[in-house]
Every structure is written in C-alpha cells, then in structure tokens.
C-alpha cells in the first residue's frame, strides 16, 4: 500500500453508507475527519522514507488529538467500529512512514 492508496481509502468512506438512519454521520463531521486524516498523510509524506520515529509519533499524536477534539465537538460520533477503522488507518500510515511497532500507536493519546 502507498500513501496515495491510503488517502483514497479512508475509513470514512463507508461510515456514511453504513449509517442508514443518519444518527452519527453527516457531511460536516465526515468532511472534518477527512481533512484531519489528509493532513496526517501529507505530514508523513513530507517526512519522507527516512523519517525519525519521534517525528512519526509526533504526527500520530497530532492526528489523534485532533480526532479527540472532533469526537467531542460532534457528540462522540467515534464508536467501536470507527475507532478500530481509525486505529488501523493511523497505524498503517505510520508503518508506511517507517515506524516499526506491534503496539497500538494511538493508545497513549486516544480518548475515543
């Protein structure tokens, strides 16, 4: 997988479709989430293939704390399946940037 493929396959693409009654997701919270995820990918791409672990983890911390704020602001729309989707997305991107770990990189900062 590449960053471009990851960018095209954000977990949010399925969220709206799966929310048949529109209780959790709308164009506003999906768009805000996509913006945060796109910025995360762009940051990792700018770091390049020889990125330092600390720089990658700084990008992870930033995306997770931004998602914490969105989740709070949009009435806690990130639930179990969304959390799993986001964790996988963030982890995959961090690994593409060169991070080597078997641990959940979001756990330290995640409130959702």
Protein backbone atom coordinates (compact mmCIF):
# COMPACT_ATOMS: atom_id res chain seq x y z
CA UNK A 1 0.00 0.00 0.00
CA UNK A 2 1.10 3.55 -0.70
CA UNK A 3 0.16 6.85 0.91
CA UNK A 4 -1.93 7.72 -2.14
CA UNK A 5 -3.86 4.45 -1.91
CA UNK A 6 -4.39 5.02 1.78
CA UNK A 7 -5.62 8.56 1.13
CA UNK A 8 -8.19 7.21 -1.33
CA UNK A 9 -9.35 4.51 1.08
CA UNK A 10 -10.05 6.45 4.25
CA UNK A 11 -12.38 4.64 6.65
CA UNK A 12 -14.88 7.49 6.47
CA UNK A 13 -15.98 6.46 3.00
CA UNK A 14 -18.01 3.59 4.43
CA UNK A 15 -19.29 5.36 7.53
CA UNK A 16 -21.96 7.43 5.81
CA UNK A 17 -23.18 4.43 3.83
CA UNK A 18 -23.45 2.25 6.93
CA UNK A 19 -25.27 4.92 8.94
CA UNK A 20 -28.66 4.28 7.34
CA UNK A 21 -30.67 6.43 9.72
CA UNK A 22 -28.13 9.27 9.81
CA UNK A 23 -27.76 9.24 13.59
CA UNK A 24 -23.99 9.54 13.75
CA UNK A 25 -22.58 10.83 10.50
CA UNK A 26 -23.21 13.79 8.26
CA UNK A 27 -21.26 15.62 5.60
CA UNK A 28 -19.87 18.01 8.20
CA UNK A 29 -18.28 15.50 10.59
CA UNK A 30 -17.12 13.26 7.73
CA UNK A 31 -15.53 16.22 5.94
CA UNK A 32 -13.81 17.39 9.13
CA UNK A 33 -12.49 13.88 9.76
CA UNK A 34 -11.23 13.56 6.18
CA UNK A 35 -9.43 16.89 6.48
CA UNK A 36 -7.59 15.71 9.60
CA UNK A 37 -6.69 12.35 8.02
CA UNK A 38 -5.47 14.01 4.81
CA UNK A 39 -3.28 16.40 6.80
CA UNK A 40 -1.81 13.42 8.68
CA UNK A 41 -0.94 11.63 5.45
CA UNK A 42 0.56 14.81 3.99
CA UNK A 43 2.70 15.28 7.09
CA UNK A 44 4.02 11.73 6.86
CA UNK A 45 4.71 12.12 3.14
CA UNK A 46 6.72 15.29 3.81
CA UNK A 47 8.80 13.44 6.42
CA UNK A 48 9.92 11.06 3.68
CA UNK A 49 11.08 7.48 3.81
CA UNK A 50 13.89 8.13 6.27
CA UNK A 51 11.63 9.66 8.90
CA UNK A 52 12.69 9.56 12.52
CA UNK A 53 10.48 7.61 14.91
CA UNK A 54 9.93 10.70 17.07
CA UNK A 55 8.71 12.70 14.06
CA UNK A 56 6.28 9.94 13.06
CA UNK A 57 4.95 9.66 16.61
CA UNK A 58 4.54 13.44 16.76
CA UNK A 59 2.33 13.22 13.65
CA UNK A 60 0.37 10.36 15.25
CA UNK A 61 -0.14 12.37 18.43
CA UNK A 62 -1.36 15.35 16.41
CA UNK A 63 -3.91 13.37 14.36
CA UNK A 64 -5.19 11.54 17.45
CA UNK A 65 -5.62 14.72 19.50
CA UNK A 66 -7.39 16.40 16.56
CA UNK A 67 -9.72 13.41 16.31
CA UNK A 68 -10.31 13.66 20.08
CA UNK A 69 -11.45 17.26 19.55
CA UNK A 70 -13.69 16.33 16.62
CA UNK A 71 -15.23 13.48 18.56
CA UNK A 72 -16.00 15.81 21.45
CA UNK A 73 -17.32 18.54 19.16
CA UNK A 74 -19.55 16.21 17.15
CA UNK A 75 -21.25 14.47 20.07
CA UNK A 76 -19.00 11.41 20.28
CA UNK A 77 -19.53 10.00 16.80
CA UNK A 78 -16.49 7.72 17.00
CA UNK A 79 -17.65 4.41 18.42
CA UNK A 80 -16.10 0.94 18.49
CA UNK A 81 -16.01 0.11 14.78
CA UNK A 82 -14.93 3.65 13.84
CA UNK A 83 -12.21 3.52 16.49
CA UNK A 84 -10.91 0.26 15.03
CA UNK A 85 -11.00 1.72 11.49
CA UNK A 86 -9.16 4.87 12.54
CA UNK A 87 -6.55 2.99 14.57
CA UNK A 88 -5.83 0.71 11.62
CA UNK A 89 -5.59 3.68 9.23
CA UNK A 90 -3.27 5.65 11.53
CA UNK A 91 -1.13 2.58 12.25
CA UNK A 92 -0.81 1.65 8.56
CA UNK A 93 0.24 5.17 7.63
CA UNK A 94 2.81 5.29 10.45
CA UNK A 95 4.26 1.98 9.28
CA UNK A 96 4.40 3.26 5.68
CA UNK A 97 6.44 6.17 7.01
CA UNK A 98 8.87 3.70 8.57
CA UNK A 99 7.62 3.16 12.11
CA UNK A 100 8.27 -0.36 13.31
CA UNK A 101 6.00 -1.43 16.16
CA UNK A 102 3.45 -4.06 17.09
CA UNK A 103 1.73 -1.77 19.58
CA UNK A 104 -1.29 0.47 19.05
CA UNK A 105 0.36 3.81 18.34
CA UNK A 106 -2.83 5.75 19.10
CA UNK A 107 -3.49 4.42 22.59
CA UNK A 108 -1.34 6.91 24.50
CA UNK A 109 -3.36 9.92 23.27
CA UNK A 110 -6.69 8.42 22.21
CA UNK A 111 -9.87 9.41 24.07
CA UNK A 112 -12.32 7.78 21.64
